[in-house]
Amino acid sequence: MVATGLTRCRLYLITPAKLNFGAIDHFAAVLQRSLGAGDVACVQLRVKDWSDEDILRTAELLMPIVQTAGAAFLINDRPDLAAKIGADGAHIGQADMSYEEARALLGAERVIGVTAHASRHLAMEAAEMGADYVAFGAFFETRTKQPIARADIELLHWWSEIFEVPCVAIGGITPANAHPLVAAGADFIAASSAVWDHPEGPEAAVRQFNEVFAR
């Protein structure tokens, strides 16, 4: 999912903010249908306050679905669990495990993405350490989480003109407002509620995002 020289932007799916472990079988079926609706680069399992056992059990169920669809399976915050389950990689925030610790756990071949918020310094620092991608945001109002910073579209222009490390745009992005971010150079558009809470359903959201990317 992180090759440079991308010909078009791709969708980076994040699991729902209120993912219910008790209904994970139902979500797995929804996810499988959604992945069949259009190109998806990766799926990030993002859950808070779950036990390690529940995260691993969920990963064991979802990871084969994601990988069979040709997407990468990443775990948020927990490189240790990503290594244990054999996930394709992990995403870490500024308050999580350090990049060096995450790389030691996951090895050279697996994906590690790093949150940079709206900071050029944090993004450059992550790229210099070897991050496979950096994530900028939030670009718009979002219901998924309380954003630490608001990113400006100029940040994507600047990054894409100077650096080869791919960037992910995140935060309140929908098919209706994604195009300027794609045009500015985002390699991936991250989405959660815009897909899972789409009024026409997740499959329609995946199709609509891909229509934006194909312009």
N, C-alpha and C. Protein backbone atom coordinates (compact mmCIF):
# COMPACT_ATOMS: atom_id res chain seq x y z
N MET A 1 0.80 -1.22 0.00
CA MET A 1 0.00 0.00 0.00
C MET A 1 0.83 1.26 0.00
N VAL A 2 2.15 1.14 0.13
CA VAL A 2 2.94 2.33 0.35
C VAL A 2 3.94 2.63 -0.75
N ALA A 3 3.75 2.06 -1.93
CA ALA A 3 4.68 2.31 -3.02
C ALA A 3 4.64 3.78 -3.41
N THR A 4 5.80 4.32 -3.73
CA THR A 4 5.85 5.70 -4.20
C THR A 4 5.48 5.73 -5.68
N GLY A 5 5.27 6.93 -6.20
CA GLY A 5 4.92 7.06 -7.60
C GLY A 5 3.52 6.55 -7.90
N LEU A 6 2.61 6.72 -6.94
CA LEU A 6 1.24 6.25 -7.13
C LEU A 6 0.59 6.98 -8.29
N THR A 7 -0.18 6.25 -9.10
CA THR A 7 -0.85 6.86 -10.22
C THR A 7 -2.17 7.50 -9.80
N ARG A 8 -2.73 7.09 -8.69
CA ARG A 8 -3.97 7.68 -8.21
C ARG A 8 -4.07 7.48 -6.71
N CYS A 9 -4.90 8.30 -6.11
CA CYS A 9 -5.16 8.20 -4.68
C CYS A 9 -5.94 6.92 -4.39
N ARG A 10 -5.81 6.41 -3.17
CA ARG A 10 -6.51 5.19 -2.79
C ARG A 10 -7.18 5.37 -1.43
N LEU A 11 -8.13 4.51 -1.16
CA LEU A 11 -8.91 4.60 0.07
C LEU A 11 -8.26 3.81 1.20
N TYR A 12 -8.18 4.45 2.36
CA TYR A 12 -7.61 3.88 3.57
C TYR A 12 -8.77 3.78 4.57
N LEU A 13 -9.28 2.57 4.77
CA LEU A 13 -10.45 2.38 5.62
C LEU A 13 -10.05 2.20 7.08
N ILE A 14 -10.77 2.84 7.97
CA ILE A 14 -10.59 2.66 9.41
C ILE A 14 -11.89 2.09 9.97
N THR A 15 -11.78 1.11 10.84
CA THR A 15 -12.98 0.48 11.39
C THR A 15 -13.83 1.48 12.16
N PRO A 16 -15.12 1.19 12.33
CA PRO A 16 -16.02 2.16 12.98
C PRO A 16 -15.56 2.56 14.38
N ALA A 17 -15.85 3.80 14.75
CA ALA A 17 -15.45 4.30 16.06
C ALA A 17 -16.10 3.51 17.19
N LYS A 18 -17.30 3.03 16.97
CA LYS A 18 -18.03 2.28 17.99
C LYS A 18 -18.18 0.81 17.58
N LEU A 19 -17.10 0.24 17.11
CA LEU A 19 -17.12 -1.18 16.74
C LEU A 19 -17.50 -2.01 17.95
N ASN A 20 -18.47 -2.89 17.77
CA ASN A 20 -19.01 -3.72 18.86
C ASN A 20 -18.45 -5.13 18.75
N PHE A 21 -17.69 -5.54 19.75
CA PHE A 21 -17.10 -6.87 19.71
C PHE A 21 -18.18 -7.95 19.65
N GLY A 22 -19.31 -7.70 20.30
CA GLY A 22 -20.38 -8.69 20.30
C GLY A 22 -21.05 -8.85 18.95
N ALA A 23 -20.85 -7.88 18.05
CA ALA A 23 -21.45 -7.95 16.72
C ALA A 23 -20.38 -8.03 15.64
N ILE A 24 -19.23 -8.55 15.99
CA ILE A 24 -18.10 -8.54 15.06
C ILE A 24 -18.34 -9.42 13.84
N ASP A 25 -19.10 -10.50 14.00
CA ASP A 25 -19.41 -11.35 12.84
C ASP A 25 -20.22 -10.58 11.81
N HIS A 26 -21.16 -9.79 12.28
CA HIS A 26 -21.96 -8.97 11.35
C HIS A 26 -21.08 -7.95 10.65
N PHE A 27 -20.20 -7.29 11.42
CA PHE A 27 -19.31 -6.31 10.80
C PHE A 27 -18.41 -6.97 9.77
N ALA A 28 -17.94 -8.17 10.05
CA ALA A 28 -17.06 -8.87 9.10
C ALA A 28 -17.75 -9.05 7.76
N ALA A 29 -19.04 -9.37 7.78
CA ALA A 29 -19.79 -9.54 6.54
C ALA A 29 -19.93 -8.20 5.82
N VAL A 30 -20.21 -7.14 6.57
CA VAL A 30 -20.32 -5.80 5.97
C VAL A 30 -18.99 -5.38 5.36
N LEU A 31 -17.91 -5.65 6.07
CA LEU A 31 -16.58 -5.29 5.58
C LEU A 31 -16.27 -6.03 4.28
N GLN A 32 -16.59 -7.30 4.23
CA GLN A 32 -16.30 -8.08 3.03
C GLN A 32 -17.04 -7.52 1.82
N ARG A 33 -18.30 -7.16 2.00
CA ARG A 33 -19.07 -6.58 0.89
C ARG A 33 -18.49 -5.23 0.49
N SER A 34 -18.08 -4.44 1.48
CA SER A 34 -17.53 -3.11 1.19
C SER A 34 -16.24 -3.20 0.40
N LEU A 35 -15.39 -4.16 0.76
CA LEU A 35 -14.12 -4.34 0.05
C LEU A 35 -14.34 -4.79 -1.38
N GLY A 36 -15.48 -5.41 -1.62
CA GLY A 36 -15.80 -5.84 -2.98
C GLY A 36 -16.40 -4.75 -3.84
N ALA A 37 -16.64 -3.58 -3.26
CA ALA A 37 -17.32 -2.51 -3.99
C ALA A 37 -16.36 -1.60 -4.74
N GLY A 38 -15.06 -1.71 -4.46
CA GLY A 38 -14.09 -0.85 -5.13
C GLY A 38 -12.73 -0.99 -4.51
N ASP A 39 -11.76 -0.30 -5.09
CA ASP A 39 -10.38 -0.40 -4.62
C ASP A 39 -10.22 0.16 -3.21
N VAL A 40 -9.61 -0.63 -2.33
CA VAL A 40 -9.27 -0.22 -0.97
C VAL A 40 -7.83 -0.63 -0.72
N ALA A 41 -7.01 0.32 -0.29
CA ALA A 41 -5.59 0.03 -0.08
C ALA A 41 -5.35 -0.75 1.20
N CYS A 42 -6.04 -0.36 2.26
CA CYS A 42 -5.81 -1.02 3.54
C CYS A 42 -7.00 -0.82 4.46
N VAL A 43 -7.02 -1.63 5.51
CA VAL A 43 -8.01 -1.50 6.57
C VAL A 43 -7.26 -1.44 7.89
N GLN A 44 -7.54 -0.40 8.66
CA GLN A 44 -6.91 -0.25 9.97
C GLN A 44 -7.92 -0.64 11.05
N LEU A 45 -7.53 -1.61 11.87
CA LEU A 45 -8.35 -1.97 13.02
C LEU A 45 -8.03 -0.98 14.14
N ARG A 46 -9.01 -0.14 14.43
CA ARG A 46 -8.81 0.89 15.45
C ARG A 46 -9.87 0.72 16.53
N VAL A 47 -9.45 0.20 17.68
CA VAL A 47 -10.35 0.00 18.81
C VAL A 47 -9.68 0.53 20.07
N LYS A 48 -10.48 1.08 20.95
CA LYS A 48 -9.96 1.65 22.19
C LYS A 48 -10.55 0.89 23.37
N ASP A 49 -9.74 0.68 24.37
CA ASP A 49 -10.18 0.08 25.64
C ASP A 49 -10.66 -1.36 25.49
N TRP A 50 -10.18 -2.04 24.47
CA TRP A 50 -10.47 -3.47 24.34
C TRP A 50 -9.33 -4.26 24.97
N SER A 51 -9.64 -5.47 25.42
CA SER A 51 -8.59 -6.34 25.92
C SER A 51 -7.74 -6.85 24.76
N ASP A 52 -6.51 -7.21 25.07
CA ASP A 52 -5.63 -7.77 24.04
C ASP A 52 -6.28 -8.98 23.39
N GLU A 53 -6.93 -9.80 24.19
CA GLU A 53 -7.56 -11.01 23.66
C GLU A 53 -8.64 -10.67 22.64
N ASP A 54 -9.46 -9.68 22.95
CA ASP A 54 -10.54 -9.32 22.03
C ASP A 54 -9.98 -8.69 20.75
N ILE A 55 -8.91 -7.90 20.87
CA ILE A 55 -8.29 -7.33 19.67
C ILE A 55 -7.73 -8.43 18.79
N LEU A 56 -7.06 -9.39 19.39
CA LEU A 56 -6.46 -10.48 18.61
C LEU A 56 -7.53 -11.36 17.98
N ARG A 57 -8.60 -11.63 18.71
CA ARG A 57 -9.69 -12.45 18.15
C ARG A 57 -10.35 -11.73 16.98
N THR A 58 -10.52 -10.42 17.10
CA THR A 58 -11.10 -9.63 16.01
C THR A 58 -10.16 -9.61 14.82
N ALA A 59 -8.87 -9.43 15.08
CA ALA A 59 -7.89 -9.43 14.00
C ALA A 59 -7.86 -10.77 13.27
N GLU A 60 -7.96 -11.84 14.00
CA GLU A 60 -7.97 -13.17 13.38
C GLU A 60 -9.15 -13.35 12.45
N LEU A 61 -10.27 -12.71 12.76
CA LEU A 61 -11.46 -12.80 11.91
C LEU A 61 -11.37 -11.87 10.70
N LEU A 62 -10.92 -10.63 10.93
CA LEU A 62 -10.96 -9.64 9.87
C LEU A 62 -9.77 -9.71 8.91
N MET A 63 -8.61 -10.06 9.42
CA MET A 63 -7.40 -10.01 8.60
C MET A 63 -7.50 -10.86 7.32
N PRO A 64 -7.98 -12.10 7.39
CA PRO A 64 -8.08 -12.87 6.14
C PRO A 64 -9.04 -12.25 5.13
N ILE A 65 -10.11 -11.63 5.61
CA ILE A 65 -11.06 -10.97 4.71
C ILE A 65 -10.38 -9.82 3.98
N VAL A 66 -9.64 -9.03 4.74
CA VAL A 66 -8.96 -7.87 4.18
C VAL A 66 -7.88 -8.30 3.18
N GLN A 67 -7.07 -9.24 3.57
CA GLN A 67 -5.96 -9.65 2.71
C GLN A 67 -6.44 -10.39 1.47
N THR A 68 -7.51 -11.15 1.58
CA THR A 68 -8.07 -11.82 0.41
C THR A 68 -8.56 -10.81 -0.61
N ALA A 69 -9.01 -9.65 -0.14
CA ALA A 69 -9.47 -8.58 -1.03
C ALA A 69 -8.32 -7.78 -1.62
N GLY A 70 -7.08 -8.13 -1.23
CA GLY A 70 -5.92 -7.45 -1.79
C GLY A 70 -5.52 -6.20 -1.03
N ALA A 71 -6.05 -6.01 0.16
CA ALA A 71 -5.73 -4.85 0.97
C ALA A 71 -4.80 -5.24 2.11
N ALA A 72 -4.10 -4.26 2.66
CA ALA A 72 -3.23 -4.49 3.81
C ALA A 72 -4.06 -4.37 5.09
N PHE A 73 -3.67 -5.14 6.10
CA PHE A 73 -4.37 -5.11 7.38
C PHE A 73 -3.43 -4.53 8.43
N LEU A 74 -3.82 -3.38 9.00
CA LEU A 74 -3.01 -2.68 9.99
C LEU A 74 -3.74 -2.60 11.32
N ILE A 75 -2.99 -2.54 12.41
CA ILE A 75 -3.58 -2.36 13.73
C ILE A 75 -3.12 -1.03 14.31
N ASN A 76 -4.06 -0.27 14.81
CA ASN A 76 -3.76 1.04 15.38
C ASN A 76 -3.19 0.91 16.79
N ASP A 77 -2.18 1.70 17.07
CA ASP A 77 -1.61 1.84 18.42
C ASP A 77 -0.77 0.66 18.92
N ARG A 78 -0.98 -0.54 18.38
CA ARG A 78 -0.42 -1.73 19.00
C ARG A 78 0.48 -2.53 18.05
N PRO A 79 1.69 -2.04 17.81
CA PRO A 79 2.63 -2.81 17.00
C PRO A 79 2.94 -4.18 17.59
N ASP A 80 2.87 -4.28 18.91
CA ASP A 80 3.13 -5.57 19.55
C ASP A 80 2.10 -6.61 19.14
N LEU A 81 0.83 -6.21 19.10
CA LEU A 81 -0.21 -7.15 18.68
C LEU A 81 -0.16 -7.39 17.17
N ALA A 82 0.20 -6.37 16.41
CA ALA A 82 0.35 -6.55 14.97
C ALA A 82 1.43 -7.58 14.67
N ALA A 83 2.53 -7.53 15.43
CA ALA A 83 3.60 -8.50 15.25
C ALA A 83 3.14 -9.90 15.66
N LYS A 84 2.40 -9.97 16.75
CA LYS A 84 1.96 -11.26 17.27
C LYS A 84 1.00 -11.97 16.32
N ILE A 85 0.10 -11.20 15.70
CA ILE A 85 -0.92 -11.79 14.84
C ILE A 85 -0.44 -11.95 13.41
N GLY A 86 0.69 -11.30 13.06
CA GLY A 86 1.18 -11.35 11.69
C GLY A 86 0.49 -10.39 10.76
N ALA A 87 0.03 -9.25 11.30
CA ALA A 87 -0.61 -8.22 10.47
C ALA A 87 0.41 -7.61 9.52
N ASP A 88 -0.10 -6.88 8.53
CA ASP A 88 0.79 -6.25 7.55
C ASP A 88 1.53 -5.06 8.13
N GLY A 89 1.06 -4.56 9.26
CA GLY A 89 1.74 -3.43 9.87
C GLY A 89 0.91 -2.79 10.95
N ALA A 90 1.33 -1.58 11.33
CA ALA A 90 0.66 -0.86 12.41
C ALA A 90 0.72 0.64 12.15
N HIS A 91 -0.20 1.34 12.79
CA HIS A 91 -0.19 2.80 12.75
C HIS A 91 0.03 3.29 14.17
N ILE A 92 0.94 4.25 14.34
CA ILE A 92 1.21 4.78 15.67
C ILE A 92 1.02 6.29 15.70
N GLY A 93 0.48 6.76 16.83
CA GLY A 93 0.33 8.19 17.05
C GLY A 93 1.50 8.73 17.84
N GLN A 94 1.48 10.03 18.06
CA GLN A 94 2.59 10.66 18.78
C GLN A 94 2.65 10.25 20.25
N ALA A 95 1.54 9.77 20.80
CA ALA A 95 1.51 9.37 22.21
C ALA A 95 1.64 7.86 22.38
N ASP A 96 1.84 7.14 21.29
CA ASP A 96 1.94 5.69 21.35
C ASP A 96 3.39 5.25 21.45
N MET A 97 3.63 3.99 21.21
CA MET A 97 4.98 3.45 21.17
C MET A 97 5.84 4.22 20.17
N SER A 98 7.13 4.37 20.46
CA SER A 98 8.01 5.10 19.55
C SER A 98 8.19 4.34 18.24
N TYR A 99 8.57 5.09 17.21
CA TYR A 99 8.82 4.45 15.92
C TYR A 99 9.91 3.40 16.04
N GLU A 100 10.97 3.70 16.76
CA GLU A 100 12.09 2.75 16.89
C GLU A 100 11.63 1.45 17.53
N GLU A 101 10.81 1.55 18.57
CA GLU A 101 10.29 0.35 19.24
C GLU A 101 9.38 -0.45 18.30
N ALA A 102 8.53 0.29 17.57
CA ALA A 102 7.61 -0.37 16.65
C ALA A 102 8.37 -1.10 15.55
N ARG A 103 9.41 -0.46 15.01
CA ARG A 103 10.18 -1.09 13.94
C ARG A 103 10.93 -2.31 14.45
N ALA A 104 11.42 -2.25 15.68
CA ALA A 104 12.11 -3.40 16.26
C ALA A 104 11.16 -4.60 16.39
N LEU A 105 9.90 -4.32 16.69
CA LEU A 105 8.91 -5.40 16.83
C LEU A 105 8.47 -5.96 15.48
N LEU A 106 8.28 -5.07 14.51
CA LEU A 106 7.67 -5.46 13.25
C LEU A 106 8.68 -5.83 12.16
N GLY A 107 9.92 -5.43 12.31
CA GLY A 107 10.91 -5.74 11.29
C GLY A 107 10.86 -4.77 10.13
N ALA A 108 11.74 -4.99 9.18
CA ALA A 108 11.92 -4.03 8.09
C ALA A 108 10.84 -4.10 7.03
N GLU A 109 10.16 -5.24 6.91
CA GLU A 109 9.26 -5.44 5.77
C GLU A 109 7.83 -4.98 6.02
N ARG A 110 7.43 -4.84 7.26
CA ARG A 110 6.05 -4.49 7.54
C ARG A 110 5.84 -2.98 7.57
N VAL A 111 4.61 -2.58 7.37
CA VAL A 111 4.26 -1.16 7.24
C VAL A 111 4.14 -0.51 8.62
N ILE A 112 4.74 0.66 8.76
CA ILE A 112 4.52 1.49 9.95
C ILE A 112 4.17 2.90 9.48
N GLY A 113 2.98 3.34 9.85
CA GLY A 113 2.56 4.70 9.56
C GLY A 113 2.58 5.53 10.82
N VAL A 114 2.81 6.82 10.68
CA VAL A 114 2.95 7.70 11.83
C VAL A 114 2.06 8.93 11.68
N THR A 115 1.35 9.26 12.73
CA THR A 115 0.54 10.47 12.76
C THR A 115 1.44 11.70 12.87
N ALA A 116 1.18 12.68 12.02
CA ALA A 116 1.94 13.93 12.08
C ALA A 116 1.06 15.13 12.40
N HIS A 117 -0.26 14.89 12.56
CA HIS A 117 -1.21 15.97 12.81
C HIS A 117 -1.09 17.03 11.71
N ALA A 118 -0.75 18.28 12.08
CA ALA A 118 -0.56 19.32 11.07
C ALA A 118 0.87 19.84 11.11
N SER A 119 1.79 19.01 11.59
CA SER A 119 3.16 19.43 11.83
C SER A 119 4.12 18.98 10.73
N ARG A 120 4.75 19.92 10.08
CA ARG A 120 5.78 19.59 9.10
C ARG A 120 6.98 18.94 9.79
N HIS A 121 7.30 19.43 10.97
CA HIS A 121 8.45 18.88 11.69
C HIS A 121 8.23 17.41 12.04
N LEU A 122 7.06 17.08 12.59
CA LEU A 122 6.78 15.69 12.96
C LEU A 122 6.78 14.79 11.73
N ALA A 123 6.24 15.30 10.64
CA ALA A 123 6.20 14.50 9.41
C ALA A 123 7.61 14.23 8.88
N MET A 124 8.44 15.26 8.83
CA MET A 124 9.81 15.08 8.35
C MET A 124 10.60 14.15 9.27
N GLU A 125 10.39 14.30 10.56
CA GLU A 125 11.06 13.44 11.53
C GLU A 125 10.69 11.97 11.31
N ALA A 126 9.39 11.71 11.11
CA ALA A 126 8.93 10.35 10.88
C ALA A 126 9.50 9.78 9.59
N ALA A 127 9.51 10.59 8.53
CA ALA A 127 10.06 10.14 7.25
C ALA A 127 11.54 9.83 7.35
N GLU A 128 12.27 10.67 8.06
CA GLU A 128 13.71 10.45 8.22
C GLU A 128 14.00 9.16 8.99
N MET A 129 13.12 8.82 9.93
CA MET A 129 13.32 7.59 10.70
C MET A 129 13.00 6.34 9.88
N GLY A 130 12.19 6.52 8.82
CA GLY A 130 11.87 5.38 7.98
C GLY A 130 10.41 5.01 7.90
N ALA A 131 9.52 5.89 8.38
CA ALA A 131 8.09 5.59 8.32
C ALA A 131 7.66 5.33 6.88
N ASP A 132 6.72 4.41 6.71
CA ASP A 132 6.25 4.06 5.37
C ASP A 132 5.22 5.06 4.86
N TYR A 133 4.57 5.78 5.76
CA TYR A 133 3.69 6.88 5.37
C TYR A 133 3.51 7.79 6.59
N VAL A 134 3.09 9.02 6.32
CA VAL A 134 2.73 9.95 7.39
C VAL A 134 1.27 10.35 7.19
N ALA A 135 0.59 10.60 8.29
CA ALA A 135 -0.83 10.96 8.24
C ALA A 135 -1.04 12.38 8.73
N PHE A 136 -1.68 13.19 7.90
CA PHE A 136 -1.98 14.58 8.23
C PHE A 136 -3.48 14.74 8.50
N GLY A 137 -3.82 15.58 9.46
CA GLY A 137 -5.22 15.87 9.72
C GLY A 137 -5.41 16.44 11.12
N ALA A 138 -6.61 16.85 11.45
CA ALA A 138 -7.83 16.65 10.67
C ALA A 138 -8.05 17.80 9.69
N PHE A 139 -8.59 17.46 8.52
CA PHE A 139 -8.84 18.48 7.52
C PHE A 139 -10.22 19.10 7.65
N PHE A 140 -11.17 18.35 8.21
CA PHE A 140 -12.54 18.84 8.38
C PHE A 140 -13.04 18.42 9.76
N GLU A 141 -14.21 18.91 10.11
CA GLU A 141 -14.84 18.47 11.35
C GLU A 141 -15.08 16.96 11.28
N THR A 142 -14.83 16.29 12.40
CA THR A 142 -14.98 14.84 12.42
C THR A 142 -15.67 14.39 13.70
N ARG A 143 -16.52 13.37 13.56
CA ARG A 143 -17.21 12.80 14.72
C ARG A 143 -16.49 11.58 15.27
N THR A 144 -15.47 11.11 14.54
CA THR A 144 -14.81 9.87 14.93
C THR A 144 -13.96 10.05 16.19
N LYS A 145 -13.22 11.16 16.27
CA LYS A 145 -12.40 11.43 17.44
C LYS A 145 -12.17 12.93 17.54
N GLN A 146 -11.78 13.38 18.71
CA GLN A 146 -11.48 14.80 18.90
C GLN A 146 -10.12 15.10 18.31
N PRO A 147 -10.06 15.90 17.24
CA PRO A 147 -8.77 16.15 16.59
C PRO A 147 -7.87 17.02 17.44
N ILE A 148 -6.58 16.74 17.38
CA ILE A 148 -5.59 17.52 18.11
C ILE A 148 -5.25 18.79 17.34
N ALA A 149 -5.30 18.70 16.01
CA ALA A 149 -4.92 19.85 15.17
C ALA A 149 -5.79 19.87 13.93
N ARG A 150 -5.86 21.04 13.30
CA ARG A 150 -6.55 21.18 12.03
C ARG A 150 -5.51 21.43 10.95
N ALA A 151 -5.47 20.56 9.96
CA ALA A 151 -4.49 20.65 8.89
C ALA A 151 -5.04 21.48 7.74
N ASP A 152 -4.13 22.15 7.04
CA ASP A 152 -4.48 22.97 5.89
C ASP A 152 -4.09 22.23 4.62
N ILE A 153 -4.86 22.44 3.57
CA ILE A 153 -4.62 21.75 2.31
C ILE A 153 -3.23 22.04 1.75
N GLU A 154 -2.67 23.21 2.06
CA GLU A 154 -1.34 23.57 1.58
C GLU A 154 -0.30 22.57 2.08
N LEU A 155 -0.56 21.96 3.21
CA LEU A 155 0.36 20.97 3.76
C LEU A 155 0.54 19.80 2.80
N LEU A 156 -0.54 19.40 2.14
CA LEU A 156 -0.46 18.30 1.17
C LEU A 156 0.31 18.71 -0.07
N HIS A 157 0.08 19.94 -0.53
CA HIS A 157 0.84 20.45 -1.67
C HIS A 157 2.34 20.41 -1.37
N TRP A 158 2.70 20.95 -0.22
CA TRP A 158 4.10 21.03 0.19
C TRP A 158 4.72 19.64 0.28
N TRP A 159 4.03 18.73 0.94
CA TRP A 159 4.60 17.40 1.14
C TRP A 159 4.78 16.66 -0.18
N SER A 160 3.76 16.67 -1.01
CA SER A 160 3.81 15.90 -2.25
C SER A 160 4.85 16.44 -3.24
N GLU A 161 5.18 17.72 -3.14
CA GLU A 161 6.17 18.31 -4.04
C GLU A 161 7.60 18.00 -3.61
N ILE A 162 7.80 17.73 -2.32
CA ILE A 162 9.15 17.59 -1.80
C ILE A 162 9.52 16.16 -1.45
N PHE A 163 8.57 15.39 -0.91
CA PHE A 163 8.89 14.09 -0.34
C PHE A 163 8.30 12.94 -1.14
N GLU A 164 9.00 11.81 -1.13
CA GLU A 164 8.52 10.60 -1.79
C GLU A 164 7.70 9.71 -0.86
N VAL A 165 7.87 9.89 0.45
CA VAL A 165 7.10 9.10 1.41
C VAL A 165 5.62 9.45 1.25
N PRO A 166 4.75 8.47 1.06
CA PRO A 166 3.33 8.75 0.86
C PRO A 166 2.69 9.43 2.07
N CYS A 167 1.62 10.17 1.80
CA CYS A 167 0.89 10.82 2.89
C CYS A 167 -0.59 10.42 2.85
N VAL A 168 -1.15 10.35 4.03
CA VAL A 168 -2.56 10.03 4.23
C VAL A 168 -3.26 11.27 4.75
N ALA A 169 -4.38 11.62 4.15
CA ALA A 169 -5.22 12.72 4.65
C ALA A 169 -6.36 12.11 5.45
N ILE A 170 -6.60 12.67 6.63
CA ILE A 170 -7.60 12.09 7.52
C ILE A 170 -8.39 13.20 8.21
N GLY A 171 -9.60 12.87 8.61
CA GLY A 171 -10.38 13.79 9.43
C GLY A 171 -11.57 14.41 8.73
N GLY A 172 -12.74 13.79 8.88
CA GLY A 172 -13.97 14.37 8.34
C GLY A 172 -14.09 14.34 6.84
N ILE A 173 -13.34 13.48 6.17
CA ILE A 173 -13.33 13.45 4.71
C ILE A 173 -14.45 12.58 4.18
N THR A 174 -15.17 13.08 3.21
CA THR A 174 -16.28 12.37 2.58
C THR A 174 -16.09 12.40 1.07
N PRO A 175 -16.87 11.62 0.33
CA PRO A 175 -16.78 11.71 -1.13
C PRO A 175 -17.08 13.12 -1.65
N ALA A 176 -17.85 13.88 -0.89
CA ALA A 176 -18.24 15.22 -1.34
C ALA A 176 -17.11 16.25 -1.18
N ASN A 177 -16.23 16.05 -0.20
CA ASN A 177 -15.19 17.06 0.03
C ASN A 177 -13.78 16.56 -0.22
N ALA A 178 -13.65 15.34 -0.73
CA ALA A 178 -12.32 14.72 -0.87
C ALA A 178 -11.52 15.27 -2.05
N HIS A 179 -12.18 15.72 -3.10
CA HIS A 179 -11.46 16.03 -4.34
C HIS A 179 -10.33 17.05 -4.17
N PRO A 180 -10.51 18.15 -3.45
CA PRO A 180 -9.39 19.09 -3.30
C PRO A 180 -8.17 18.46 -2.62
N LEU A 181 -8.39 17.53 -1.71
CA LEU A 181 -7.28 16.86 -1.03
C LEU A 181 -6.55 15.92 -1.98
N VAL A 182 -7.32 15.25 -2.81
CA VAL A 182 -6.72 14.37 -3.83
C VAL A 182 -5.91 15.20 -4.81
N ALA A 183 -6.49 16.31 -5.27
CA ALA A 183 -5.80 17.18 -6.22
C ALA A 183 -4.55 17.80 -5.61
N ALA A 184 -4.55 17.97 -4.29
CA ALA A 184 -3.41 18.58 -3.62
C ALA A 184 -2.25 17.61 -3.43
N GLY A 185 -2.51 16.31 -3.64
CA GLY A 185 -1.42 15.36 -3.57
C GLY A 185 -1.54 14.26 -2.55
N ALA A 186 -2.69 14.13 -1.88
CA ALA A 186 -2.85 13.04 -0.92
C ALA A 186 -2.72 11.70 -1.65
N ASP A 187 -1.92 10.80 -1.11
CA ASP A 187 -1.77 9.47 -1.69
C ASP A 187 -2.88 8.54 -1.24
N PHE A 188 -3.37 8.78 -0.04
CA PHE A 188 -4.46 7.98 0.52
C PHE A 188 -5.44 8.91 1.22
N ILE A 189 -6.71 8.57 1.15
CA ILE A 189 -7.75 9.26 1.91
C ILE A 189 -8.26 8.29 2.96
N ALA A 190 -8.12 8.66 4.23
CA ALA A 190 -8.61 7.81 5.32
C ALA A 190 -10.05 8.18 5.64
N ALA A 191 -10.86 7.15 5.84
CA ALA A 191 -12.27 7.37 6.12
C ALA A 191 -12.78 6.32 7.08
N SER A 192 -13.69 6.75 7.94
CA SER A 192 -14.34 5.83 8.86
C SER A 192 -15.84 6.05 8.80
N SER A 193 -16.34 7.05 9.54
CA SER A 193 -17.79 7.28 9.56
C SER A 193 -18.35 7.62 8.18
N ALA A 194 -17.53 8.24 7.32
CA ALA A 194 -18.01 8.58 5.97
C ALA A 194 -18.37 7.34 5.18
N VAL A 195 -17.78 6.21 5.55
CA VAL A 195 -18.09 4.94 4.90
C VAL A 195 -19.16 4.19 5.67
N TRP A 196 -18.90 3.95 6.96
CA TRP A 196 -19.80 3.08 7.72
C TRP A 196 -21.16 3.71 7.99
N ASP A 197 -21.24 5.05 8.05
CA ASP A 197 -22.50 5.73 8.31
C ASP A 197 -23.09 6.38 7.06
N HIS A 198 -22.59 6.01 5.90
CA HIS A 198 -23.09 6.60 4.66
C HIS A 198 -24.58 6.27 4.50
N PRO A 199 -25.40 7.26 4.15
CA PRO A 199 -26.85 7.01 4.05
C PRO A 199 -27.24 5.94 3.05
N GLU A 200 -26.39 5.69 2.05
CA GLU A 200 -26.69 4.65 1.07
C GLU A 200 -25.94 3.36 1.36
N GLY A 201 -25.22 3.34 2.46
CA GLY A 201 -24.50 2.13 2.86
C GLY A 201 -23.01 2.20 2.52
N PRO A 202 -22.20 1.39 3.21
CA PRO A 202 -20.75 1.40 3.01
C PRO A 202 -20.31 1.09 1.59
N GLU A 203 -21.01 0.19 0.91
CA GLU A 203 -20.60 -0.15 -0.45
C GLU A 203 -20.71 1.07 -1.37
N ALA A 204 -21.78 1.82 -1.21
CA ALA A 204 -21.96 3.04 -2.01
C ALA A 204 -20.85 4.04 -1.71
N ALA A 205 -20.47 4.15 -0.44
CA ALA A 205 -19.41 5.08 -0.07
C ALA A 205 -18.09 4.71 -0.72
N VAL A 206 -17.75 3.42 -0.71
CA VAL A 206 -16.51 2.96 -1.34
C VAL A 206 -16.53 3.27 -2.83
N ARG A 207 -17.65 3.02 -3.47
CA ARG A 207 -17.77 3.32 -4.91
C ARG A 207 -17.61 4.81 -5.16
N GLN A 208 -18.25 5.63 -4.34
CA GLN A 208 -18.19 7.08 -4.55
C GLN A 208 -16.79 7.63 -4.33
N PHE A 209 -16.08 7.13 -3.31
CA PHE A 209 -14.70 7.56 -3.11
C PHE A 209 -13.86 7.21 -4.33
N ASN A 210 -14.03 6.03 -4.85
CA ASN A 210 -13.24 5.62 -6.01
C ASN A 210 -13.58 6.42 -7.26
N GLU A 211 -14.81 6.87 -7.36
CA GLU A 211 -15.18 7.74 -8.47
C GLU A 211 -14.44 9.07 -8.37
N VAL A 212 -14.29 9.57 -7.15
CA VAL A 212 -13.54 10.82 -6.93
C VAL A 212 -12.07 10.60 -7.32
N PHE A 213 -11.50 9.49 -6.90
CA PHE A 213 -10.09 9.22 -7.18
C PHE A 213 -9.81 9.05 -8.67
N ALA A 214 -10.80 8.58 -9.39
CA ALA A 214 -10.61 8.31 -10.82
C ALA A 214 -10.71 9.55 -11.68
N ARG A 215 -11.13 10.67 -11.14
CA ARG A 215 -11.30 11.89 -11.95
C ARG A 215 -9.96 12.38 -12.49
